[in-house]
N, C-alpha and C. Protein backbone atom coordinates (compact mmCIF):
# COMPACT_ATOMS: atom_id res chain seq x y z
N UNK A 1 94.93 108.06 109.50
CA UNK A 1 95.20 108.15 108.08
C UNK A 1 93.95 107.69 107.33
N UNK A 2 93.73 108.26 106.17
CA UNK A 2 92.57 107.91 105.35
C UNK A 2 92.95 106.83 104.33
N UNK A 3 91.96 105.99 103.99
CA UNK A 3 92.14 104.95 102.98
C UNK A 3 90.83 104.74 102.25
N UNK A 4 90.91 104.29 101.01
CA UNK A 4 89.72 103.96 100.23
C UNK A 4 89.43 102.49 100.46
N UNK A 5 88.28 102.21 101.06
CA UNK A 5 87.93 100.85 101.49
C UNK A 5 86.69 100.33 100.77
N UNK A 6 86.78 99.08 100.33
CA UNK A 6 85.63 98.40 99.73
C UNK A 6 84.89 97.67 100.84
N UNK A 7 83.58 97.88 100.89
CA UNK A 7 82.75 97.25 101.92
C UNK A 7 81.69 96.33 101.33
N UNK A 8 81.65 96.19 100.01
CA UNK A 8 80.66 95.37 99.34
C UNK A 8 80.29 96.00 98.00
N UNK A 9 79.37 95.38 97.32
CA UNK A 9 78.96 95.83 95.98
C UNK A 9 78.59 97.31 95.99
N UNK A 10 79.25 98.08 95.12
CA UNK A 10 79.03 99.51 94.95
C UNK A 10 79.20 100.29 96.26
N UNK A 11 79.96 99.77 97.18
CA UNK A 11 80.13 100.39 98.49
C UNK A 11 81.62 100.61 98.76
N UNK A 12 82.11 101.76 98.33
CA UNK A 12 83.49 102.15 98.56
C UNK A 12 83.46 103.45 99.35
N UNK A 13 84.22 103.47 100.45
CA UNK A 13 84.20 104.65 101.33
C UNK A 13 85.62 105.05 101.71
N UNK A 14 85.79 106.32 102.00
CA UNK A 14 87.03 106.80 102.59
C UNK A 14 86.88 106.63 104.09
N UNK A 15 87.79 105.85 104.68
CA UNK A 15 87.69 105.54 106.11
C UNK A 15 89.02 105.80 106.79
N UNK A 16 88.98 105.92 108.10
CA UNK A 16 90.20 106.03 108.89
C UNK A 16 90.78 104.64 109.11
N UNK A 17 92.09 104.52 108.90
CA UNK A 17 92.82 103.28 109.18
C UNK A 17 94.04 103.65 110.01
N UNK A 18 94.59 102.69 110.75
CA UNK A 18 95.76 103.01 111.59
C UNK A 18 96.97 103.42 110.76
N UNK A 19 97.76 104.33 111.31
CA UNK A 19 99.04 104.68 110.69
C UNK A 19 100.00 103.50 110.82
N UNK A 20 100.83 103.28 109.82
CA UNK A 20 101.79 102.17 109.92
C UNK A 20 102.90 102.48 110.91
N UNK A 21 103.43 101.44 111.53
CA UNK A 21 104.55 101.58 112.47
C UNK A 21 105.50 100.41 112.26
N UNK A 22 106.78 100.69 112.24
CA UNK A 22 107.81 99.66 112.06
C UNK A 22 107.72 98.67 113.22
N UNK A 23 107.64 97.37 112.89
CA UNK A 23 107.57 96.32 113.91
C UNK A 23 108.88 95.58 114.05
N UNK A 24 109.64 95.45 112.93
CA UNK A 24 110.94 94.78 112.98
C UNK A 24 111.82 95.32 111.85
N UNK A 25 113.05 94.86 111.80
CA UNK A 25 114.02 95.40 110.84
C UNK A 25 113.70 95.03 109.39
N UNK A 26 112.81 94.07 109.18
CA UNK A 26 112.44 93.68 107.82
C UNK A 26 111.33 94.57 107.25
N UNK A 27 110.77 95.45 108.07
CA UNK A 27 109.66 96.30 107.65
C UNK A 27 110.14 97.57 106.98
N UNK A 28 109.30 98.07 106.08
CA UNK A 28 109.51 99.38 105.47
C UNK A 28 108.18 100.12 105.53
N UNK A 29 108.26 101.42 105.66
CA UNK A 29 107.07 102.25 105.50
C UNK A 29 107.20 102.92 104.14
N UNK A 30 106.19 102.68 103.32
CA UNK A 30 106.23 103.24 101.98
C UNK A 30 105.11 104.26 101.81
N UNK A 31 105.44 105.34 101.10
CA UNK A 31 104.45 106.38 100.77
C UNK A 31 103.95 106.06 99.37
N UNK A 32 102.66 105.93 99.22
CA UNK A 32 102.08 105.62 97.92
C UNK A 32 102.09 106.90 97.09
N UNK A 33 102.70 106.83 95.89
CA UNK A 33 102.81 108.03 95.05
C UNK A 33 101.91 107.95 93.82
N UNK A 34 101.78 106.78 93.22
CA UNK A 34 100.98 106.62 92.00
C UNK A 34 100.36 105.24 92.02
N UNK A 35 99.09 105.14 91.66
CA UNK A 35 98.43 103.84 91.57
C UNK A 35 97.66 103.74 90.26
N UNK A 36 97.32 102.52 89.93
CA UNK A 36 96.48 102.25 88.76
C UNK A 36 95.33 101.37 89.21
N UNK A 37 94.17 101.58 88.61
CA UNK A 37 93.01 100.76 88.93
C UNK A 37 93.03 99.55 88.01
N UNK A 38 92.99 98.37 88.60
CA UNK A 38 93.03 97.11 87.88
C UNK A 38 91.61 96.60 87.65
N UNK A 39 91.47 95.71 86.71
CA UNK A 39 90.18 95.06 86.50
C UNK A 39 89.69 94.37 87.76
N UNK A 40 90.61 93.84 88.56
CA UNK A 40 90.22 93.20 89.83
C UNK A 40 89.51 94.18 90.75
N UNK A 41 90.02 95.41 90.80
CA UNK A 41 89.39 96.43 91.64
C UNK A 41 87.97 96.73 91.15
N UNK A 42 87.81 96.78 89.84
CA UNK A 42 86.47 97.02 89.27
C UNK A 42 85.53 95.86 89.58
N UNK A 43 86.08 94.62 89.56
CA UNK A 43 85.25 93.46 89.90
C UNK A 43 84.78 93.53 91.35
N UNK A 44 85.65 93.98 92.24
CA UNK A 44 85.22 94.17 93.63
C UNK A 44 84.07 95.17 93.67
N UNK A 45 84.30 96.35 93.07
CA UNK A 45 83.30 97.42 93.12
C UNK A 45 81.95 96.97 92.56
N UNK A 46 81.98 96.26 91.44
CA UNK A 46 80.74 95.84 90.77
C UNK A 46 80.04 94.67 91.46
N UNK A 47 80.69 94.09 92.45
CA UNK A 47 80.07 92.99 93.18
C UNK A 47 80.33 91.63 92.59
N UNK A 48 81.33 91.53 91.71
CA UNK A 48 81.66 90.23 91.11
C UNK A 48 82.45 89.34 92.07
N UNK A 49 82.92 89.89 93.16
CA UNK A 49 83.63 89.12 94.18
C UNK A 49 82.66 88.85 95.32
N UNK A 50 82.70 87.67 95.85
CA UNK A 50 81.75 87.27 96.89
C UNK A 50 82.04 87.97 98.22
N UNK A 51 81.09 88.78 98.66
CA UNK A 51 81.23 89.45 99.95
C UNK A 51 81.28 88.42 101.07
N UNK A 52 80.52 87.33 100.93
CA UNK A 52 80.51 86.29 101.98
C UNK A 52 81.90 85.67 102.15
N UNK A 53 82.58 85.38 101.04
CA UNK A 53 83.92 84.80 101.12
C UNK A 53 84.93 85.78 101.70
N UNK A 54 84.70 87.06 101.46
CA UNK A 54 85.66 88.08 101.86
C UNK A 54 85.26 88.82 103.13
N UNK A 55 84.15 88.42 103.75
CA UNK A 55 83.60 89.15 104.89
C UNK A 55 84.62 89.41 105.99
N UNK A 56 85.47 88.44 106.28
CA UNK A 56 86.44 88.61 107.37
C UNK A 56 87.51 89.65 107.03
N UNK A 57 87.64 90.03 105.76
CA UNK A 57 88.63 91.02 105.35
C UNK A 57 88.05 92.43 105.23
N UNK A 58 86.74 92.57 105.34
CA UNK A 58 86.12 93.87 105.13
C UNK A 58 86.26 94.75 106.37
N UNK A 59 86.43 96.05 106.21
CA UNK A 59 86.63 96.73 104.95
C UNK A 59 88.01 96.42 104.37
N UNK A 60 88.10 96.34 103.05
CA UNK A 60 89.34 96.00 102.36
C UNK A 60 89.85 97.23 101.61
N UNK A 61 91.10 97.62 101.89
CA UNK A 61 91.72 98.73 101.17
C UNK A 61 92.12 98.20 99.79
N UNK A 62 91.63 98.86 98.75
CA UNK A 62 91.83 98.41 97.37
C UNK A 62 93.18 98.84 96.79
N UNK A 63 93.44 98.37 95.60
CA UNK A 63 94.56 98.70 94.70
C UNK A 63 95.84 97.93 95.03
N UNK A 64 96.42 97.36 93.97
CA UNK A 64 97.67 96.62 94.13
C UNK A 64 98.73 97.03 93.12
N UNK A 65 98.39 97.87 92.16
CA UNK A 65 99.36 98.31 91.17
C UNK A 65 99.76 99.73 91.48
N UNK A 66 101.06 99.96 91.64
CA UNK A 66 101.47 101.32 91.92
C UNK A 66 102.94 101.45 92.21
N UNK A 67 103.35 102.69 92.35
CA UNK A 67 104.72 103.05 92.70
C UNK A 67 104.68 103.72 94.05
N UNK A 68 105.67 103.40 94.85
CA UNK A 68 105.74 103.94 96.21
C UNK A 68 107.13 104.52 96.45
N UNK A 69 107.27 105.22 97.55
CA UNK A 69 108.56 105.78 97.95
C UNK A 69 108.89 105.23 99.33
N UNK A 70 110.00 104.50 99.42
CA UNK A 70 110.46 103.95 100.70
C UNK A 70 111.03 105.12 101.50
N UNK A 71 110.35 105.51 102.57
CA UNK A 71 110.74 106.72 103.28
C UNK A 71 112.01 106.54 104.11
N UNK A 72 112.43 105.30 104.35
CA UNK A 72 113.68 105.08 105.09
C UNK A 72 114.86 105.01 104.12
N UNK A 73 114.73 104.20 103.06
CA UNK A 73 115.82 104.05 102.10
C UNK A 73 115.85 105.15 101.04
N UNK A 74 114.80 105.99 101.02
CA UNK A 74 114.73 107.13 100.10
C UNK A 74 114.86 106.70 98.64
N UNK A 75 114.04 105.71 98.24
CA UNK A 75 114.04 105.30 96.84
C UNK A 75 112.65 104.88 96.42
N UNK A 76 112.39 105.01 95.10
CA UNK A 76 111.11 104.59 94.55
C UNK A 76 111.09 103.08 94.41
N UNK A 77 109.96 102.48 94.76
CA UNK A 77 109.86 101.02 94.77
C UNK A 77 108.49 100.58 94.26
N UNK A 78 108.42 99.32 93.85
CA UNK A 78 107.16 98.69 93.51
C UNK A 78 106.98 97.52 94.49
N UNK A 79 105.88 97.52 95.25
CA UNK A 79 105.62 96.38 96.13
C UNK A 79 105.10 95.20 95.32
N UNK A 80 105.63 94.01 95.59
CA UNK A 80 105.19 92.82 94.87
C UNK A 80 104.51 91.85 95.83
N UNK A 81 103.80 90.87 95.26
CA UNK A 81 103.09 89.87 96.07
C UNK A 81 104.07 89.09 96.92
N UNK A 82 103.55 88.43 97.93
CA UNK A 82 104.36 87.73 98.91
C UNK A 82 105.10 86.52 98.37
N UNK A 83 105.84 85.91 99.26
CA UNK A 83 106.66 84.75 98.95
C UNK A 83 105.80 83.59 98.45
N UNK A 84 106.12 83.08 97.28
CA UNK A 84 105.35 81.97 96.73
C UNK A 84 106.08 80.64 96.90
N UNK A 85 107.12 80.61 97.74
CA UNK A 85 107.88 79.38 97.93
C UNK A 85 107.04 78.28 98.58
N UNK A 86 106.03 78.64 99.35
CA UNK A 86 105.21 77.64 100.03
C UNK A 86 103.97 77.25 99.26
N UNK A 87 103.93 77.55 97.97
CA UNK A 87 102.74 77.25 97.17
C UNK A 87 102.55 75.74 97.08
N UNK A 88 101.35 75.24 97.39
CA UNK A 88 101.09 73.80 97.27
C UNK A 88 101.27 73.33 95.82
N UNK A 89 101.64 72.07 95.67
CA UNK A 89 101.91 71.48 94.35
C UNK A 89 100.80 71.75 93.34
N UNK A 90 99.55 71.65 93.76
CA UNK A 90 98.44 71.81 92.81
C UNK A 90 98.31 73.23 92.27
N UNK A 91 99.04 74.20 92.86
CA UNK A 91 98.98 75.57 92.38
C UNK A 91 100.26 76.01 91.67
N UNK A 92 101.26 75.13 91.56
CA UNK A 92 102.49 75.50 90.87
C UNK A 92 102.19 75.87 89.43
N UNK A 93 102.71 77.01 89.01
CA UNK A 93 102.43 77.51 87.68
C UNK A 93 101.14 78.31 87.61
N UNK A 94 100.34 78.25 88.66
CA UNK A 94 99.08 79.00 88.74
C UNK A 94 99.01 79.69 90.10
N UNK A 95 100.13 80.21 90.54
CA UNK A 95 100.21 80.82 91.87
C UNK A 95 99.17 81.91 92.08
N UNK A 96 98.77 82.57 90.99
CA UNK A 96 97.82 83.67 91.09
C UNK A 96 96.45 83.24 91.59
N UNK A 97 96.12 81.96 91.51
CA UNK A 97 94.81 81.50 92.01
C UNK A 97 94.92 80.79 93.36
N UNK A 98 96.12 80.74 93.93
CA UNK A 98 96.30 80.16 95.27
C UNK A 98 95.65 81.11 96.27
N UNK A 99 94.64 80.65 97.02
CA UNK A 99 93.88 81.55 97.91
C UNK A 99 94.69 82.15 99.05
N UNK A 100 95.84 81.56 99.40
CA UNK A 100 96.63 82.08 100.52
C UNK A 100 97.79 82.97 100.08
N UNK A 101 97.86 83.30 98.78
CA UNK A 101 98.93 84.17 98.30
C UNK A 101 98.76 85.57 98.90
N UNK A 102 99.78 86.06 99.60
CA UNK A 102 99.68 87.43 100.12
C UNK A 102 99.64 88.41 98.95
N UNK A 103 98.53 89.09 98.79
CA UNK A 103 98.31 89.90 97.60
C UNK A 103 97.65 91.21 98.00
N UNK A 104 98.28 92.32 97.68
CA UNK A 104 97.74 93.63 98.02
C UNK A 104 96.38 93.85 97.38
N UNK A 105 95.47 94.41 98.14
CA UNK A 105 94.15 94.75 97.63
C UNK A 105 93.24 93.55 97.44
N UNK A 106 93.64 92.40 97.98
CA UNK A 106 92.81 91.19 97.88
C UNK A 106 92.90 90.41 99.19
N UNK A 107 94.01 89.72 99.40
CA UNK A 107 94.16 88.99 100.67
C UNK A 107 94.76 89.90 101.75
N UNK A 108 95.39 90.98 101.33
CA UNK A 108 95.93 91.99 102.25
C UNK A 108 95.45 93.36 101.80
N UNK A 109 95.39 94.31 102.73
CA UNK A 109 95.00 95.66 102.37
C UNK A 109 95.97 96.25 101.35
N UNK A 110 95.42 97.06 100.44
CA UNK A 110 96.20 97.56 99.31
C UNK A 110 96.72 98.98 99.44
N UNK A 111 96.92 99.60 98.27
CA UNK A 111 97.64 100.86 98.15
C UNK A 111 96.77 102.11 98.17
N UNK A 112 95.48 101.99 98.31
CA UNK A 112 94.60 103.16 98.27
C UNK A 112 94.61 103.87 99.63
N UNK A 113 95.77 104.40 99.97
CA UNK A 113 96.03 105.05 101.25
C UNK A 113 97.29 105.89 101.09
N UNK A 114 97.66 106.62 102.11
CA UNK A 114 98.87 107.45 102.03
C UNK A 114 100.14 106.64 102.27
N UNK A 115 100.13 105.81 103.30
CA UNK A 115 101.32 105.05 103.69
C UNK A 115 100.95 103.60 103.98
N UNK A 116 101.93 102.72 103.84
CA UNK A 116 101.71 101.30 104.07
C UNK A 116 102.96 100.68 104.68
N UNK A 117 102.79 99.82 105.65
CA UNK A 117 103.87 99.00 106.19
C UNK A 117 104.00 97.78 105.29
N UNK A 118 105.20 97.47 104.81
CA UNK A 118 105.36 96.37 103.87
C UNK A 118 106.72 95.72 104.08
N UNK A 119 106.82 94.39 103.85
CA UNK A 119 108.11 93.72 104.02
C UNK A 119 109.16 94.26 103.03
N UNK A 120 110.30 94.63 103.54
CA UNK A 120 111.37 95.20 102.73
C UNK A 120 111.79 94.28 101.58
N UNK A 121 111.77 92.98 101.83
CA UNK A 121 112.22 92.05 100.78
C UNK A 121 111.25 91.94 99.61
N UNK A 122 110.06 92.51 99.76
CA UNK A 122 109.06 92.48 98.69
C UNK A 122 108.95 93.82 97.97
N UNK A 123 109.98 94.65 98.10
CA UNK A 123 110.01 95.94 97.41
C UNK A 123 111.08 95.89 96.32
N UNK A 124 110.65 96.14 95.10
CA UNK A 124 111.56 96.13 93.95
C UNK A 124 111.87 97.58 93.59
N UNK A 125 113.16 97.95 93.56
CA UNK A 125 113.50 99.33 93.19
C UNK A 125 113.06 99.65 91.76
N UNK A 126 112.52 100.83 91.56
CA UNK A 126 112.12 101.28 90.23
C UNK A 126 113.32 102.02 89.62
N UNK A 127 113.83 101.53 88.47
CA UNK A 127 115.01 102.16 87.87
C UNK A 127 114.78 103.61 87.48
N UNK A 128 115.85 104.40 87.55
CA UNK A 128 115.79 105.78 87.04
C UNK A 128 115.41 105.71 85.57
N UNK A 129 114.70 106.70 85.11
CA UNK A 129 114.29 106.73 83.71
C UNK A 129 112.91 106.15 83.47
N UNK A 130 112.35 105.46 84.46
CA UNK A 130 110.98 104.97 84.36
C UNK A 130 110.14 105.84 85.29
N UNK A 131 109.20 106.58 84.70
CA UNK A 131 108.41 107.47 85.54
C UNK A 131 107.35 106.68 86.32
N UNK A 132 106.74 107.34 87.27
CA UNK A 132 105.80 106.66 88.17
C UNK A 132 104.57 106.14 87.45
N UNK A 133 104.11 106.84 86.42
CA UNK A 133 102.92 106.37 85.70
C UNK A 133 103.22 105.06 84.99
N UNK A 134 104.34 105.00 84.27
CA UNK A 134 104.72 103.74 83.63
C UNK A 134 104.98 102.67 84.69
N UNK A 135 105.64 103.06 85.77
CA UNK A 135 105.92 102.11 86.85
C UNK A 135 104.67 101.50 87.44
N UNK A 136 103.59 102.27 87.48
CA UNK A 136 102.35 101.76 88.08
C UNK A 136 101.65 100.72 87.20
N UNK A 137 102.06 100.60 85.92
CA UNK A 137 101.46 99.57 85.07
C UNK A 137 102.46 98.47 84.70
N UNK A 138 103.59 98.41 85.39
CA UNK A 138 104.58 97.37 85.10
C UNK A 138 103.99 95.98 85.32
N UNK A 139 103.20 95.81 86.38
CA UNK A 139 102.62 94.48 86.65
C UNK A 139 101.69 94.03 85.53
N UNK A 140 100.70 94.83 85.10
CA UNK A 140 99.88 94.37 83.98
C UNK A 140 100.67 94.27 82.67
N UNK A 141 101.68 95.10 82.50
CA UNK A 141 102.52 95.01 81.31
C UNK A 141 103.26 93.67 81.29
N UNK A 142 103.76 93.26 82.46
CA UNK A 142 104.48 91.97 82.52
C UNK A 142 103.53 90.80 82.24
N UNK A 143 102.29 90.90 82.68
CA UNK A 143 101.30 89.86 82.40
C UNK A 143 101.03 89.80 80.90
N UNK A 144 100.95 90.96 80.26
CA UNK A 144 100.70 91.00 78.82
C UNK A 144 101.86 90.40 78.04
N UNK A 145 103.08 90.73 78.44
CA UNK A 145 104.26 90.16 77.78
C UNK A 145 104.26 88.65 77.95
N UNK A 146 103.95 88.18 79.14
CA UNK A 146 103.89 86.72 79.39
C UNK A 146 102.82 86.06 78.53
N UNK A 147 101.68 86.70 78.37
CA UNK A 147 100.62 86.14 77.52
C UNK A 147 101.10 85.99 76.08
N UNK A 148 101.83 86.97 75.60
CA UNK A 148 102.36 86.91 74.24
C UNK A 148 103.42 85.81 74.13
N UNK A 149 104.28 85.71 75.13
CA UNK A 149 105.29 84.65 75.13
C UNK A 149 104.65 83.27 75.12
N UNK A 150 103.50 83.13 75.78
CA UNK A 150 102.81 81.84 75.82
C UNK A 150 102.28 81.41 74.46
N UNK A 151 102.04 82.38 73.55
CA UNK A 151 101.57 82.01 72.21
C UNK A 151 102.70 82.06 71.19
N UNK A 152 103.90 82.42 71.63
CA UNK A 152 105.05 82.55 70.74
C UNK A 152 105.48 81.17 70.24
N UNK A 153 106.23 81.03 69.23
CA UNK A 153 106.85 82.15 68.53
C UNK A 153 105.93 82.71 67.45
N UNK A 154 105.84 84.02 67.43
CA UNK A 154 105.13 84.72 66.36
C UNK A 154 106.19 85.24 65.39
N UNK A 155 105.95 85.05 64.13
CA UNK A 155 106.94 85.51 63.15
C UNK A 155 106.46 86.74 62.39
N UNK A 156 105.38 87.35 62.83
CA UNK A 156 104.89 88.55 62.20
C UNK A 156 103.87 88.32 61.11
N UNK A 157 103.63 87.05 60.77
CA UNK A 157 102.66 86.76 59.72
C UNK A 157 101.36 86.21 60.27
N UNK A 158 101.35 85.79 61.54
CA UNK A 158 100.15 85.22 62.12
C UNK A 158 99.15 86.31 62.46
N UNK A 159 97.90 85.91 62.48
CA UNK A 159 96.86 86.79 62.99
C UNK A 159 96.54 86.32 64.40
N UNK A 160 96.32 87.27 65.26
CA UNK A 160 96.04 86.96 66.66
C UNK A 160 94.73 87.64 67.03
N UNK A 161 93.84 86.89 67.62
CA UNK A 161 92.59 87.46 68.12
C UNK A 161 92.77 87.79 69.60
N UNK A 162 92.44 88.99 69.95
CA UNK A 162 92.49 89.41 71.35
C UNK A 162 91.05 89.52 71.82
N UNK A 163 90.68 88.65 72.73
CA UNK A 163 89.31 88.61 73.23
C UNK A 163 89.28 89.37 74.55
N UNK A 164 88.53 90.44 74.60
CA UNK A 164 88.44 91.22 75.83
C UNK A 164 88.57 92.70 75.53
N UNK A 165 88.05 93.49 76.45
CA UNK A 165 88.08 94.94 76.26
C UNK A 165 88.79 95.66 77.39
N UNK A 166 89.44 94.90 78.25
CA UNK A 166 90.08 95.51 79.42
C UNK A 166 91.49 95.98 79.16
N UNK A 167 92.12 96.42 80.22
CA UNK A 167 93.47 96.96 80.14
C UNK A 167 94.49 95.96 79.63
N UNK A 168 94.38 94.70 80.06
CA UNK A 168 95.34 93.69 79.60
C UNK A 168 95.20 93.45 78.11
N UNK A 169 93.98 93.38 77.60
CA UNK A 169 93.77 93.21 76.17
C UNK A 169 94.37 94.38 75.40
N UNK A 170 94.18 95.59 75.91
CA UNK A 170 94.75 96.77 75.28
C UNK A 170 96.27 96.69 75.24
N UNK A 171 96.90 96.32 76.37
CA UNK A 171 98.35 96.23 76.41
C UNK A 171 98.87 95.14 75.47
N UNK A 172 98.21 93.98 75.42
CA UNK A 172 98.61 92.93 74.49
C UNK A 172 98.57 93.46 73.05
N UNK A 173 97.50 94.14 72.70
CA UNK A 173 97.37 94.72 71.36
C UNK A 173 98.47 95.72 71.06
N UNK A 174 98.78 96.58 72.03
CA UNK A 174 99.84 97.57 71.83
C UNK A 174 101.19 96.91 71.62
N UNK A 175 101.49 95.90 72.41
CA UNK A 175 102.78 95.20 72.28
C UNK A 175 102.87 94.51 70.93
N UNK A 176 101.81 93.81 70.55
CA UNK A 176 101.82 93.12 69.26
C UNK A 176 101.92 94.10 68.09
N UNK A 177 101.33 95.27 68.22
CA UNK A 177 101.38 96.26 67.15
C UNK A 177 102.80 96.79 66.93
N UNK A 178 103.62 96.73 67.96
CA UNK A 178 105.00 97.26 67.86
C UNK A 178 106.04 96.18 67.71
N UNK A 179 105.64 94.92 67.64
CA UNK A 179 106.63 93.85 67.47
C UNK A 179 107.10 93.78 66.04
């Protein structure tokens, strides 16, 4: 099977990777249907992530935002990051910076491939009525909503400065414009 792999700064290649195979009853094989490129993926490509720190993971299959199809249960799903129950005390509330968090396209190979073996308990069904394109940005949309909640309560009269030009800044602006 082919996958898009990051090998270092400006070094992304299509490479052969093993086909997934069910290992136990908790596993699912998911077909990747739609993905979105995150700022994190761009940081990898541009060399903002340390190749030395990540050397043992290279080549790394990129992308963590997307919609998949569980080929056994026959439903659309969104894969989420791993269990955060074991997060050390110093990372509580900041789980996203815990270096051992199982995270697609960073600590684990991501969605830039045809199929992926993934734990069934980490698959969230995508409700009918939400198309795959919207589903692929649910994760950054949820981050944007959380950012707005962190500055709430807004009563519609405050001015808010959005610093940044990336996708999250755009989503925050869109949400605030419609509140």
